[in-house]
Structures are given as C-alpha cells and as structure tokens.
Protein backbone atom coordinates (compact mmCIF):
# COMPACT_ATOMS: atom_id res chain seq x y z
CA MET A 1 26.83 -10.42 -6.94
CA PRO A 2 26.98 -14.21 -8.11
CA CYS A 3 25.97 -14.83 -11.06
CA LEU A 4 22.39 -16.77 -11.19
CA SER A 5 22.07 -19.36 -12.73
CA ARG A 6 18.98 -19.86 -15.74
CA THR A 7 17.09 -22.68 -13.61
CA GLU A 8 18.13 -20.54 -10.48
CA LEU A 9 15.75 -18.00 -12.42
CA TYR A 10 13.21 -19.82 -13.72
CA LYS A 11 12.35 -21.49 -9.80
CA VAL A 12 12.75 -17.82 -8.80
CA THR A 13 9.83 -16.67 -11.78
CA ALA A 14 7.90 -19.65 -11.41
CA VAL A 15 7.47 -18.78 -7.55
CA ALA A 16 6.90 -15.21 -8.51
CA ILE A 17 4.24 -16.44 -11.34
CA VAL A 18 2.12 -18.86 -7.86
CA VAL A 19 1.98 -15.87 -5.39
CA LEU A 20 0.79 -13.48 -8.48
CA ILE A 21 -1.85 -16.31 -8.75
CA ILE A 22 -2.73 -17.02 -5.57
CA SER A 23 -3.46 -13.10 -5.26
CA CYS A 24 -5.66 -13.41 -7.66
CA LEU A 25 -7.94 -15.91 -6.19
CA PRO A 26 -10.11 -13.92 -4.03
CA TYR A 27 -10.69 -11.15 -7.23
CA ALA A 28 -11.66 -13.81 -9.37
CA LEU A 29 -14.18 -14.79 -6.87
CA GLY A 30 -15.83 -11.68 -6.71
CA TYR A 31 -16.51 -11.42 -10.51
CA GLY A 32 -17.63 -15.36 -10.84
CA PHE A 33 -19.72 -15.65 -7.52
CA ALA A 34 -21.17 -11.12 -7.87
CA PRO A 35 -25.37 -11.79 -6.15
CA PRO A 36 -27.97 -11.51 -8.59
CA GLY A 37 -28.51 -7.12 -8.84
CA TRP A 38 -24.88 -6.64 -7.55
CA ASP A 39 -21.49 -5.61 -9.73
CA PHE A 40 -18.31 -6.83 -8.03
CA GLY A 41 -16.32 -3.23 -7.97
CA GLY A 42 -13.34 -4.91 -8.26
CA PHE A 43 -10.94 -5.17 -5.50
CA ILE A 44 -10.91 -7.45 -1.87
CA MET A 45 -10.70 -5.12 1.17
CA ASN A 46 -9.90 -1.55 2.29
CA ALA A 47 -11.56 -0.97 -0.89
CA GLU A 48 -12.20 2.65 0.42
CA ASP A 49 -8.45 3.61 -0.35
CA SER A 50 -8.66 1.81 -3.60
CA HIS A 51 -10.82 3.86 -4.60
CA ILE A 52 -9.04 7.13 -4.59
CA TYR A 53 -6.44 5.88 -6.70
CA LEU A 54 -8.82 4.65 -9.28
CA ALA A 55 -9.77 7.83 -8.91
CA ALA A 56 -6.95 9.01 -9.98
CA MET A 57 -6.92 7.17 -13.01
CA GLN A 58 -10.16 8.36 -14.07
CA GLN A 59 -8.14 11.95 -14.03
CA GLY A 60 -5.79 10.31 -16.16
CA ALA A 61 -8.20 8.67 -18.18
CA GLN A 62 -9.40 12.04 -19.24
CA GLY A 63 -6.15 13.94 -19.68
CA ALA A 64 -5.09 15.15 -16.81
CA TRP A 65 -1.74 15.23 -15.64
CA ARG A 66 -2.05 17.35 -12.80
CA PHE A 67 -3.48 15.63 -9.93
CA ARG A 68 -6.54 17.43 -7.88
CA LEU A 69 -8.52 16.19 -5.28
CA LEU A 70 -12.39 14.59 -5.81
CA TYR A 71 -12.81 13.92 -2.58
CA THR A 72 -13.50 17.08 -1.44
CA PRO A 73 -15.79 19.97 -3.03
CA GLU A 74 -12.85 23.56 -2.31
CA ASP A 75 -11.59 24.40 -5.64
CA HIS A 76 -7.97 24.74 -6.31
CA PRO A 77 -5.37 23.67 -8.97
CA GLY A 78 -4.10 20.74 -10.10
CA ALA A 79 -0.56 19.97 -8.87
CA PHE A 80 2.02 17.18 -10.21
CA LEU A 81 0.62 13.95 -7.50
CA TYR A 82 -0.58 10.83 -7.79
CA LEU A 83 1.34 10.67 -10.91
CA PHE A 84 1.18 6.49 -11.20
CA TYR A 85 -2.06 6.67 -11.39
CA LEU A 86 -2.46 9.23 -13.49
CA LEU A 87 0.07 7.30 -15.93
CA LEU A 88 -2.23 4.88 -15.09
CA GLY A 89 -5.72 6.37 -16.68
CA HIS A 90 -3.53 7.46 -19.37
CA LEU A 91 -2.81 3.64 -20.40
CA SER A 92 -6.10 2.99 -19.86
CA ALA A 93 -7.57 5.77 -22.48
CA LEU A 94 -4.68 4.69 -24.92
CA THR A 95 -5.62 1.27 -24.83
CA GLY A 96 -8.83 1.20 -24.50
CA LEU A 97 -8.65 -1.31 -21.15
CA SER A 98 -11.08 -0.17 -18.49
CA PRO A 99 -9.61 1.18 -15.52
CA ILE A 100 -10.28 -1.10 -13.68
CA LEU A 101 -7.95 -3.94 -15.41
CA THR A 102 -5.58 -1.42 -16.05
CA TYR A 103 -5.27 -1.21 -12.14
CA HIS A 104 -4.74 -5.20 -12.29
CA LEU A 105 -3.18 -5.47 -14.17
CA ALA A 106 -0.28 -3.11 -12.97
CA ARG A 107 -0.72 -3.90 -9.72
CA LEU A 108 0.44 -7.64 -11.60
CA PHE A 109 3.38 -6.41 -13.37
CA CYS A 110 4.57 -4.05 -10.48
CA GLY A 111 4.07 -7.52 -8.16
CA LEU A 112 6.13 -9.53 -10.43
CA ALA A 113 8.68 -6.72 -10.81
CA LEU A 114 8.85 -6.83 -6.89
CA LEU A 115 9.15 -10.25 -6.51
CA MET A 116 12.42 -10.28 -9.08
CA MET A 117 13.95 -7.15 -6.92
CA ALA A 118 13.47 -9.33 -4.13
CA TYR A 119 15.77 -11.95 -5.19
CA PHE A 120 18.55 -10.00 -6.78
CA PHE A 121 18.72 -7.95 -3.48
CA ILE A 122 18.58 -11.16 -1.22
CA ALA A 123 21.63 -12.63 -3.84
CA PHE A 124 22.68 -9.16 -3.19
CA PHE A 125 24.38 -10.63 -0.15
CA ILE A 126 23.96 -14.03 0.20
CA ARG A 127 25.77 -15.85 -1.95
CA ARG A 128 24.90 -19.35 -0.40
CA ARG A 129 21.96 -20.82 -2.62
CA ALA A 130 19.74 -22.21 0.36
CA VAL A 131 20.53 -19.79 2.57
CA ARG A 132 18.89 -17.11 -0.39
CA TRP A 133 15.84 -19.55 -0.70
CA ILE A 134 14.39 -19.92 2.16
CA ALA A 135 15.15 -15.63 2.21
CA TYR A 136 13.02 -15.58 -0.86
CA LEU A 137 10.26 -17.62 0.56
CA LEU A 138 10.04 -16.10 3.38
CA ILE A 139 9.72 -12.75 1.40
CA CYS A 140 6.83 -14.29 -0.70
CA PHE A 141 4.87 -15.89 2.14
CA SER A 142 5.36 -14.76 5.33
CA SER A 143 3.97 -12.39 7.92
CA GLY A 144 3.85 -12.82 11.35
CA LEU A 145 1.48 -13.70 14.36
CA GLY A 146 -1.54 -11.69 13.90
CA TRP A 147 -3.40 -14.95 13.84
CA LEU A 148 -2.70 -16.11 16.86
CA VAL A 149 -3.02 -13.38 18.98
CA LEU A 150 -6.46 -12.57 17.28
CA LEU A 151 -7.13 -16.45 18.72
CA ILE A 152 -5.88 -15.39 22.30
CA SER A 153 -7.79 -12.76 22.84
CA PRO A 154 -9.67 -10.80 19.87
CA THR A 155 -8.85 -7.50 19.43
CA PRO A 156 -12.21 -5.20 21.78
CA PRO A 157 -13.89 -2.94 19.57
CA GLY A 158 -12.00 0.38 19.25
CA GLY A 159 -8.53 -1.63 19.68
CA ILE A 160 -5.81 -1.50 17.10
CA SER A 161 -6.13 -5.16 15.65
CA PRO A 162 -2.70 -6.49 14.83
CA ILE A 163 -0.51 -5.55 11.28
CA ASP A 164 -0.65 -8.16 9.98
CA PHE A 165 -4.41 -7.56 8.29
CA TRP A 166 -3.83 -3.48 7.73
CA LEU A 167 -0.83 -2.63 7.11
CA MET A 168 -0.61 -3.66 3.93
CA ASP A 169 3.64 -1.83 3.47
CA ALA A 170 5.20 -3.65 5.97
CA TYR A 171 4.39 -6.97 3.78
CA VAL A 172 5.13 -7.88 0.40
CA PHE A 173 2.44 -10.69 -0.40
CA PHE A 174 0.04 -8.04 1.16
CA SER A 175 1.58 -5.09 -0.92
CA VAL A 176 1.04 -7.72 -4.57
CA LEU A 177 -1.72 -8.66 -2.93
CA LEU A 178 -3.82 -4.72 -2.99
CA PHE A 179 -1.41 -2.06 -4.48
CA PRO A 180 0.54 -1.55 -7.30
CA HIS A 181 2.37 1.67 -6.13
CA PHE A 182 3.01 -0.34 -3.16
CA SER A 183 5.15 -2.77 -4.77
CA LEU A 184 6.80 -0.23 -7.20
CA ALA A 185 7.90 1.71 -4.57
CA MET A 186 9.48 -1.28 -3.00
CA VAL A 187 10.98 -2.02 -6.53
CA SER A 188 12.53 1.58 -6.12
CA LEU A 189 13.49 1.26 -2.93
CA LEU A 190 15.60 -2.04 -3.28
CA ALA A 191 17.13 -0.16 -6.66
CA VAL A 192 18.10 2.56 -4.72
CA PHE A 193 20.32 0.49 -2.45
CA MET A 194 22.05 -2.26 -4.64
CA ALA A 195 22.48 1.07 -6.78
CA THR A 196 24.26 3.01 -4.19
CA LEU A 197 26.14 0.04 -2.29
CA LEU A 198 27.60 -0.96 -5.99
CA TYR A 199 29.17 3.11 -6.50
CA PHE A 200 30.27 2.21 -2.75
CA HIS A 201 32.50 -0.78 -4.10
CA THR A 202 32.69 0.51 -7.47
CA GLU A 203 32.40 3.53 -7.85
CA GLN A 204 31.77 3.97 -10.79
CA THR A 205 29.09 6.95 -11.89
CA ARG A 206 26.57 4.74 -13.80
CA CYS A 207 25.58 3.22 -10.52
CA LEU A 208 25.40 6.44 -9.04
CA MET A 209 22.69 7.06 -12.29
CA GLY A 210 21.05 4.40 -11.75
CA ALA A 211 20.88 5.18 -8.16
CA GLY A 212 19.10 8.38 -9.13
CA VAL A 213 16.59 7.63 -11.24
CA ALA A 214 15.76 4.65 -8.67
CA LEU A 215 15.33 7.42 -6.06
CA TRP A 216 13.19 9.98 -8.65
CA VAL A 217 10.53 7.31 -9.52
CA LEU A 218 10.52 6.58 -5.77
CA PHE A 219 9.97 10.02 -4.75
CA LEU A 220 6.97 10.09 -7.61
CA VAL A 221 5.49 7.69 -6.67
CA ASN A 222 5.59 7.22 -2.21
CA PRO A 223 7.72 10.30 -1.15
CA LYS A 224 6.10 9.85 2.12
CA ILE A 225 8.75 7.20 2.73
CA LEU A 226 11.97 9.39 1.78
CA PRO A 227 12.84 9.87 5.87
CA VAL A 228 13.86 6.19 5.69
CA VAL A 229 16.47 6.00 2.61
CA ALA A 230 17.63 9.01 3.76
CA ALA A 231 18.12 7.49 7.66
CA THR A 232 19.21 3.96 6.27
CA LEU A 233 21.87 5.12 3.26
CA ALA A 234 23.21 7.77 7.07
CA GLY A 235 23.32 4.91 9.58
CA HIS A 236 24.82 3.32 6.87
CA TRP A 237 27.64 5.70 5.62
CA MET A 238 28.42 5.85 10.45
CA LEU A 239 28.71 2.17 9.70
CA LEU A 240 31.32 2.46 7.66
CA PHE A 241 32.95 4.71 9.15
CA GLY A 242 33.16 3.03 12.59
CA LEU A 243 34.56 0.02 10.61
CA ARG A 244 37.16 1.46 8.89
CA ARG A 245 37.76 4.11 11.40
CA THR A 246 38.17 7.08 9.21
CA LEU A 247 35.75 9.20 6.88
CA PRO A 248 34.62 7.82 4.20
CA TRP A 249 35.27 10.40 1.86
CA ARG A 250 34.40 9.21 -1.46
CA GLU A 251 30.79 7.50 -0.01
CA MET A 252 29.91 11.09 2.15
CA ARG A 253 29.85 13.06 -1.92
CA GLY A 254 28.15 9.57 -3.16
CA LEU A 255 25.69 10.50 -0.83
CA ILE A 256 25.28 14.48 -1.54
CA VAL A 257 24.94 14.29 -5.32
CA LEU A 258 22.61 11.61 -4.53
CA GLY A 259 20.57 13.57 -2.41
CA SER A 260 20.89 17.28 -4.45
CA SER A 261 19.32 15.44 -7.02
CA LEU A 262 16.25 15.97 -6.33
CA ILE A 263 16.29 19.26 -5.27
CA PRO A 264 13.66 20.01 -8.07
CA TRP A 265 10.72 17.84 -6.94
CA LEU A 266 11.36 18.67 -3.03
CA ALA A 267 11.39 23.00 -4.06
CA TYR A 268 8.23 22.38 -6.17
CA TYR A 269 6.67 19.78 -3.69
CA GLY A 270 7.17 23.00 -1.29
CA TYR A 271 5.65 25.39 -3.92
CA VAL A 272 2.53 23.36 -4.52
CA LEU A 273 2.42 23.89 0.18
CA VAL A 274 3.19 27.51 -0.01
CA SER A 275 0.63 28.40 -3.61
CA ASN A 276 -1.79 25.51 -2.99
CA PRO A 277 -3.97 26.01 -0.21
CA VAL A 278 -6.51 22.85 -0.32
CA LEU A 279 -3.25 20.55 -1.19
CA GLY A 280 -1.45 21.85 1.91
CA LEU A 281 -4.35 21.27 4.36
CA LEU A 282 -4.04 17.69 2.45
CA ILE A 283 -0.96 17.56 3.51
CA LYS A 284 -1.52 18.57 6.88
CA GLN A 285 -4.62 16.22 7.70
CA ASP A 286 -2.39 12.80 6.21
CA ILE A 287 -1.59 10.63 9.75
CA THR A 288 -0.66 7.80 9.73
CA LEU A 289 0.65 7.46 13.26
CA SER A 290 2.62 4.07 14.55
CA PRO A 291 0.96 2.14 16.61
CA PRO A 292 3.44 0.37 19.60
CA PRO A 293 6.25 -1.48 19.79
CA LEU A 294 4.71 -4.20 20.89
CA TYR A 295 2.46 -4.67 17.33
CA TYR A 296 5.35 -4.77 15.17
CA VAL A 297 7.12 -7.39 17.33
CA LEU A 298 4.10 -9.51 16.57
CA GLY A 299 3.05 -8.70 13.05
CA TYR A 300 6.20 -10.00 11.90
CA GLY A 301 6.52 -12.65 14.00
CA LEU A 302 8.49 -15.41 13.57
CA VAL A 303 11.06 -13.73 10.78
CA PHE A 304 11.30 -10.95 13.58
CA LEU A 305 12.59 -13.88 15.66
CA LEU A 306 15.05 -15.33 13.63
CA ALA A 307 16.24 -12.08 12.46
CA ILE A 308 17.90 -11.97 16.10
CA GLY A 309 19.89 -14.36 14.44
CA GLY A 310 21.23 -13.39 11.57
CA THR A 311 21.92 -10.03 12.92
CA LEU A 312 24.31 -10.62 15.40
CA HIS A 313 25.64 -13.61 12.62
CA VAL A 314 26.38 -10.30 10.35
CA ALA A 315 27.47 -8.03 13.76
CA LYS A 316 30.75 -10.91 14.10
CA GLN A 317 31.37 -10.65 10.72
CA ARG A 318 31.75 -7.28 10.38
CA ARG A 319 31.47 -6.95 6.50
CA GLU A 320 31.25 -4.04 4.86
CA ARG A 321 28.65 -4.51 2.28
CA GLU A 322 26.60 -7.11 4.39
CA ILE A 323 25.97 -4.89 7.41
CA PHE A 324 23.88 -2.21 5.82
CA LEU A 325 20.98 -5.19 6.90
CA LEU A 326 21.46 -3.66 9.84
CA ALA A 327 21.44 -0.61 9.19
CA TRP A 328 18.18 -0.58 6.82
CA PRO A 329 16.26 -2.15 10.81
CA LEU A 330 17.78 0.23 12.62
CA ALA A 331 16.70 3.22 10.49
CA ALA A 332 13.30 1.98 10.67
CA ILE A 333 13.12 1.35 14.20
CA VAL A 334 14.65 5.32 14.64
CA THR A 335 11.91 6.84 12.32
CA LEU A 336 9.09 4.69 13.06
CA TYR A 337 8.89 6.77 16.13
CA LEU A 338 10.22 10.04 15.17
CA PRO A 339 7.85 13.47 15.89
CA PHE A 340 6.45 14.00 12.35
CA GLN A 341 2.59 12.58 11.47
CA THR A 342 3.67 9.71 8.84
CA GLN A 343 5.78 7.60 10.70
CA ARG A 344 4.49 3.93 9.69
CA ARG A 345 4.92 4.33 6.33
CA MET A 346 8.53 4.21 7.53
CA VAL A 347 7.76 0.18 7.89
CA THR A 348 7.52 0.49 3.73
CA GLY A 349 9.94 -2.31 2.34
CA LEU A 350 11.45 -3.67 5.59
CA HIS A 351 10.38 -7.26 5.43
CA VAL A 352 12.96 -7.28 2.79
CA PRO A 353 15.75 -6.62 4.77
CA LEU A 354 14.11 -9.36 8.27
CA CYS A 355 13.47 -12.25 5.86
CA ILE A 356 16.88 -11.91 4.39
CA LEU A 357 18.50 -11.24 7.83
CA ALA A 358 15.48 -14.20 9.33
CA SER A 359 17.58 -16.72 6.48
CA LEU A 360 20.64 -16.63 7.68
CA GLY A 361 19.91 -16.76 11.54
CA LEU A 362 18.32 -19.66 11.10
CA PHE A 363 20.88 -21.53 9.11
CA LYS A 364 23.40 -20.33 11.21
CA TYR A 365 22.12 -20.98 14.61
CA VAL A 366 18.42 -21.87 14.30
CA LEU A 367 19.28 -25.00 12.10
CA PRO A 368 21.70 -26.45 14.04
CA ALA A 369 20.62 -26.43 17.41
CA VAL A 370 17.03 -28.11 16.44
CA TYR A 371 19.19 -30.34 14.63
CA HIS A 372 21.18 -31.26 17.60
CA SER A 373 18.16 -31.39 20.00
CA GLY A 374 16.24 -33.82 21.55
CA VAL A 375 13.60 -33.65 19.54
CA SER A 376 15.47 -33.71 16.42
CA ARG A 377 16.55 -37.72 16.62
CA VAL A 378 12.63 -38.04 18.15
CA ILE A 379 11.51 -36.66 14.41
CA SER A 380 14.24 -38.43 12.83
CA ARG A 381 13.81 -42.18 14.99
CA THR A 382 10.11 -41.96 14.41
CA LEU A 383 9.74 -40.32 10.73
CA SER A 384 12.64 -42.64 9.68
CA TYR A 385 14.50 -39.92 7.97
CA ASP A 386 17.98 -39.00 7.09
CA ARG A 387 20.08 -36.05 7.92
CA ARG A 388 18.93 -34.52 4.46
CA ARG A 389 15.67 -35.12 4.91
CA LEU A 390 15.71 -34.46 8.70
CA ARG A 391 17.35 -30.68 7.39
CA LEU A 392 14.82 -30.00 5.06
CA PHE A 393 11.81 -30.89 7.36
CA ILE A 394 13.02 -28.73 9.58
CA LEU A 395 13.38 -25.48 7.33
CA ASN A 396 9.98 -26.54 5.57
CA LEU A 397 8.53 -26.39 9.37
CA ILE A 398 9.70 -23.39 10.65
CA VAL A 399 8.93 -21.56 6.90
CA VAL A 400 5.45 -22.48 7.50
CA ALA A 401 4.91 -20.88 10.26
CA THR A 402 5.49 -18.05 8.85
CA PHE A 403 2.80 -18.14 6.61
CA PRO A 404 -0.52 -18.36 8.22
CA SER A 405 -1.55 -14.40 8.91
CA ASN A 406 -1.22 -14.82 5.15
CA LEU A 407 -3.40 -17.47 4.87
CA TYR A 408 -6.34 -15.82 6.88
CA LEU A 409 -5.95 -12.78 5.19
CA LEU A 410 -7.16 -14.93 1.83
CA ALA A 411 -9.80 -16.75 3.28
CA SER A 412 -11.45 -13.54 5.19
CA ALA A 413 -11.00 -12.42 1.52
CA SER A 414 -12.40 -15.07 -0.79
CA LEU A 415 -15.25 -15.51 2.22
CA ALA A 416 -15.63 -11.72 1.84
CA ALA A 417 -16.46 -12.17 -2.10
CA LEU A 418 -18.50 -15.13 -1.97
CA GLN A 419 -21.14 -13.82 0.20
CA GLY A 420 -20.58 -10.59 -1.58
CA HIS A 421 -19.63 -7.76 1.51
CA PRO A 422 -21.84 -5.45 0.60
CA THR A 423 -18.02 -2.82 0.63
CA LEU A 424 -17.40 -4.53 -1.87
CA PHE A 425 -20.15 -4.75 -3.95
CA HIS A 426 -22.42 -1.93 -5.39
CA THR A 427 -25.64 -2.60 -6.98
CA GLU A 428 -26.77 -2.23 -10.55
CA ALA A 429 -29.65 0.21 -9.72
CA GLU A 430 -26.62 2.23 -8.16
CA ASN A 431 -23.80 2.03 -10.98
CA GLN A 432 -27.03 2.72 -13.73
CA ALA A 433 -27.31 6.64 -11.66
CA ILE A 434 -23.73 6.98 -11.47
CA ASP A 435 -23.38 6.36 -15.30
CA TRP A 436 -26.20 8.83 -15.86
CA LEU A 437 -24.30 11.18 -13.80
CA ALA A 438 -21.09 10.62 -16.03
CA GLU A 439 -22.72 11.28 -19.67
CA ASN A 440 -25.37 14.53 -18.44
CA SER A 441 -23.14 16.51 -15.81
CA GLN A 442 -19.47 17.66 -15.37
CA ALA A 443 -16.37 16.47 -13.70
CA THR A 444 -16.77 19.45 -11.49
CA ASP A 445 -19.39 19.69 -10.56
CA THR A 446 -19.92 18.68 -7.23
CA ILE A 447 -22.52 15.86 -5.87
CA LEU A 448 -23.45 15.30 -2.58
CA CYS A 449 -24.22 11.81 -1.55
CA SER A 450 -23.67 9.52 1.92
CA TYR A 451 -19.57 8.48 2.72
CA TRP A 452 -19.41 4.89 0.92
CA VAL A 453 -21.09 6.59 -1.78
CA GLY A 454 -19.05 9.67 -2.16
CA ASN A 455 -15.65 6.87 -1.73
CA TYR A 456 -17.25 5.32 -5.09
CA ILE A 457 -18.54 7.66 -7.22
CA PRO A 458 -14.90 9.47 -8.38
CA ALA A 459 -13.96 5.78 -8.41
CA ARG A 460 -16.43 4.92 -11.01
CA ILE A 461 -16.27 8.14 -12.70
CA GLY A 462 -14.06 11.05 -11.63
CA HIS A 463 -16.46 13.08 -10.77
CA ARG A 464 -15.92 15.49 -7.70
CA VAL A 465 -17.83 14.98 -4.09
CA PHE A 466 -19.00 16.33 -1.35
CA TRP A 467 -17.25 14.45 0.77
CA GLY A 468 -15.56 9.75 0.99
CA HIS A 469 -12.71 9.76 2.10
CA TRP A 470 -11.24 10.37 5.50
CA ASN A 471 -7.84 11.34 4.89
CA LEU A 472 -8.78 13.48 1.23
CA THR A 473 -11.67 15.35 2.56
CA ILE A 474 -10.81 18.72 3.61
CA ASP A 475 -11.85 18.92 7.01
CA PHE A 476 -13.77 15.37 7.24
CA VAL A 477 -15.50 15.93 10.75
CA SER A 478 -17.06 18.89 10.02
CA LYS A 479 -18.52 18.33 6.42
CA ARG A 480 -19.63 14.85 8.49
CA ARG A 481 -21.85 16.66 10.61
CA LEU A 482 -23.16 19.23 7.84
CA VAL A 483 -24.01 16.27 5.90
CA GLU A 484 -25.99 14.75 9.11
CA ALA A 485 -27.84 17.84 10.10
CA PHE A 486 -28.93 18.03 6.46
CA PHE A 487 -30.81 14.65 6.18
CA GLN A 488 -32.68 15.27 9.38
CA ALA A 489 -36.16 16.28 8.69
CA GLU A 490 -36.42 19.26 11.58
CA THR A 491 -33.32 20.93 9.28
CA ALA A 492 -34.63 24.16 7.74
CA ASP A 493 -34.92 24.36 4.35
CA ALA A 494 -33.92 27.67 4.53
CA ALA A 495 -30.18 26.42 5.85
CA ARG A 496 -29.91 23.51 3.01
CA ARG A 497 -30.51 25.39 0.80
CA GLU A 498 -27.82 28.36 1.70
CA TRP A 499 -25.76 25.06 2.74
CA LEU A 500 -25.75 23.95 -0.85
CA GLN A 501 -25.45 27.14 -2.03
CA THR A 502 -22.07 27.18 0.26
CA TYR A 503 -20.46 24.90 -1.27
CA GLY A 504 -21.84 25.06 -4.70
CA ILE A 505 -23.66 21.09 -4.66
CA ALA A 506 -24.81 20.59 -8.51
CA TYR A 507 -26.77 17.35 -7.95
CA LEU A 508 -28.14 15.41 -5.04
CA PHE A 509 -27.48 11.31 -5.18
CA TYR A 510 -30.65 10.05 -2.93
CA GLY A 511 -30.41 5.54 -3.06
CA PRO A 512 -31.01 3.06 -0.10
CA GLN A 513 -27.79 4.52 1.84
CA GLU A 514 -28.70 8.48 1.97
CA ARG A 515 -32.68 7.00 3.35
CA ALA A 516 -30.60 5.52 5.90
CA LEU A 517 -28.89 9.06 7.49
CA GLY A 518 -32.28 10.75 8.05
CA ASP A 519 -36.07 11.21 7.43
CA PHE A 520 -35.41 14.17 4.72
CA ASN A 521 -37.21 13.73 1.59
CA PRO A 522 -36.41 15.50 -1.32
CA GLU A 523 -40.05 15.23 -3.30
CA GLY A 524 -41.50 18.96 -4.10
CA LYS A 525 -38.48 20.75 -2.76
CA PRO A 526 -38.46 24.23 -5.00
CA TYR A 527 -34.47 23.87 -5.04
CA LEU A 528 -34.27 20.68 -6.27
CA MET A 529 -35.43 18.83 -9.11
CA GLU A 530 -35.57 14.93 -10.07
CA THR A 531 -33.21 14.89 -13.10
CA PHE A 532 -32.84 10.84 -12.55
CA SER A 533 -34.71 7.70 -11.48
CA ASN A 534 -35.07 3.89 -11.25
CA SER A 535 -35.83 1.79 -8.82
CA LYS A 536 -33.74 2.56 -6.40
CA VAL A 537 -31.82 6.55 -6.30
CA SER A 538 -33.37 9.15 -7.59
CA ILE A 539 -31.17 11.96 -8.78
CA TYR A 540 -31.94 15.43 -8.39
CA GLN A 541 -30.46 18.81 -9.74
CA VAL A 542 -29.86 21.39 -7.43
CA PHE A 543 -30.60 25.12 -8.65
CA GLY A 544 -29.02 28.52 -6.90
CA ALA A 545 -25.82 26.27 -6.09
CA GLU A 546 -23.71 28.05 -8.04
C-alpha cells in the first residue's frame, strides 16, 4: 500500500465529515420541526426495520446478552444474536445516554470508520492519487439511475421501485444514512479482504490473524453475507491459479485456516436452529430475494458502465492483487442468484469495488475519449478552458452525474420530516401510554395492538407484542388475520377470550390505530379492565390470559 500523506488523510477525513453532516440534516429537521403534540421517532425512513434494532438495544439496556424476539408471543430462550445492538444497549445503560442517541452516535462512528477504511482499501489497489480520489468521491456520494427511471416510468402499484431507494446495503451513503451495522459490516468486510491479500503477499501470520478477527466481527454483525465472502476469496484463488498456471498452495492453506476459525460460531448457530424452534422458524421465513438483474444494472447506473472499462483494464494488466477487483463483483453476480433465501444481502459492499473499477475506467478510457472528442473542443472554446481545467470539468461533470438518486433520497427524507409524516412521528398521548406500560407491566407480558404500534412498542420500552414486524413475527399472515378478526364487532366474545388465553395476551393497547381496525368496543367486557386512559389511548388488562 502506498504511503498516504498527512494532507491527503486530512482531505479524506474532511470529506467523510461532510458526508456525516449531510446524513444528519433530515434527522435535525425531524427533531426541529416536529408538529405540536407529536414526537419525532428518531428515524427518517424505514422506521419499520429501524425499530427492531432499537428493540434489541432495549434488551441490552435491560442487561440481556441473549437476544429474544419481541415481535411474536411465542416463548423461547434467548440466543447470541444481534450482539452489536445488544452491546449498544449496554453502552446506553452504562453512559446514561438514551438508546436513540446511542444509536445515532454509533451510526456516525461506524460511518466514519467505513469512509476511512474505504479510502485505505482504494489505496491498497491504486497508486495514482487522482484516480483514487475520484473513486473515493464515487464511494461517498454515488448511486444509480433510479431517479431517471422514476421520471420516465413511475413504479406501478405492486411493482418494484428502483433499488436506489430501498436496498440500503447496496450503497455506502445509504448505509451511512441509516444503519450502523451495515457500515460496520462493510468495514469488517474490507478488513477481511485487505488482511487476506496482505497475507497472500507477505506470508505474515499476523495478517491472517487480523483477517480472522475481522471475519469474526463480520459474522457477529451480519452473518448473512458470508456466502459472498467465501465466493470472493475462492474466486480470487481460482484467478490466481489461472495466472500462475500452478496451484496456489500457500493461499489455499491460509483460506482453510481462515474459514476454520468460524467453526465454533457455525456450530453454535446450528445448535440454535435445532434447539430453538422459534428462532429456527424466524430464519426459515427470513426471505430477501434479488430483483431481476436489470434492477442492479440501473441501480449502479453510470458507476456500472464506467466499471466495465475498469474491468477491461484490470483484465489486461493481469496483476495478482488487482484481479481481486474482478473476483468480488463476479462472486456477487453469482451469489445474488444462488437458490437460497437471503440473495440480495450478497450486494453488501459491492459498491466499493465497482467505484474503484469505475474510476479506473473513467481515467483509462472515458476521459481520453471525451477529451479528444469534438464536444470537448466545443466546451474548451466556449468556456475558454485550458487543458487542465477542461479535464477537471469533465471529471466533475461525470462524477456529479452519479449523485441525483442520493439527492432525491435526502430531499424526500427531509420533506417527510418537515411535513410530519405519520410513520416518522408518534403522538405524545401514544408515548405516554407506552411509557405507562414500561412502568406497570413486565417485559415478557404480551401486548395486543395494531401493527404500527406493535412495531414501535419494543423499540421504545423493550416489551413484547403480539405482532409488529413482517419478518420477526412468527407466521405473520396468520397473526394478522387473527388481529383483524379480533377487532370486528361480530366476532363472539367467547372466541376473543379463548384467543387471548391461547396466546397469553396480558394487555390490550387501544388507541386511534386500533379503533381503525374495526368496530370492537372493549368497554364493559368482563375479561378486560381499563388500567390507563388519556385523551387518545386506553390500556386494558386481560383477565384469564395466563
């Protein structure tokens, strides 16, 4: 790796800080412009998933190191899952900071670590400073052509929108904007790859040990992406074999040792699947399939097109280290469509090598072609640009052309915060009722409520609900039907009571969202006793639920 000057590191850090500041703007608007009577929930988009991480933090803040599902009523023992967020919960309790503040501090810290690690990863392959600087700007700010797709052909109801706006782990900026564990997973991923490649080059045991530590962190933060890690390292080994025309035995031994380091955790997870049927069902219903290939092509847009040129350049150079930049995208292409249920998670981190290849393609092919074209001569004459200024103009124009989808993301999130979008805010009356539950019920008591309230309660107080997340509620569809039937006036009380007892429901949360589910009126029901009430919400304790 080339030596990075202090000035270069200062510039890299400054850009990273700018990215982090930009990522905080929609959150600041949410807190600063909350409508009267409403509280900002702390998330600017995809609060549905963000709440599950905050729920894990609540468990950690309560002293737990074993994760339990709070979005389903089935009793089950805890397991060593979601350890990153359990750790953040413990840090929240230790420091006295609120879970949501701890979450965002972790988001900023992990985001900074990712942006700095990304530059070191770039420098690992590229010596020319201008090339790696463009690669870094692409990593920090680029996205795809989803904005153009929406302008030309808006997504129809029930269709799949461009991945620029929902597949967070496909982009660095999107990950920094929302989820700290995505950023930390990418940091670990880059560390695994760099340390492994250094071992291949130097044969130093400490490099292999560093790769093993990073692999453990990656496994504990996001084990779903292990297939693409294995496929990438195996693919790189095969490319080495093709270049050398002899088996890379030393590299094979290193990869075997590295993979073997995960055997204890793999054995433990296998034990959890067998011994814990509830968590076993959770993993079976965790399905995140890939969209058609065209969505990925458009989702990386200009970066993808430029990366084709970079791929050709690396293939022609045939250098052992640089061919890793080919192994990773090829492995991702394969694993994104292998027949397993977490396909699209394999896109995690792919943005980084694509941006490096795009920068190479831009400098090796696109920039010279554009520079010597008639268009550049017209621009040069019109703007009176000399050779250097014209080159900078073309570079900036191409790089900025990769930004619009992220600008759209920021604008839409900021607008939602300014307009008080109901999925991002919660009424003070609702929060007051939930806080009453925190003081007057047990964390293991199951609470019946609407879906969106159920999604929020575990995140705010760490208590269990009957349903609240499409993936973390066991047999979600059946539970949704049961809730819909419960709130219909024509449902017999005997059926309701039996259902409440079957699932051990301890409390009924009854507010505006629950009233919207049907005409059921809990007042006067002999199996329900009102224990809390304010202007909008009543809470009823269920009798005979044990």
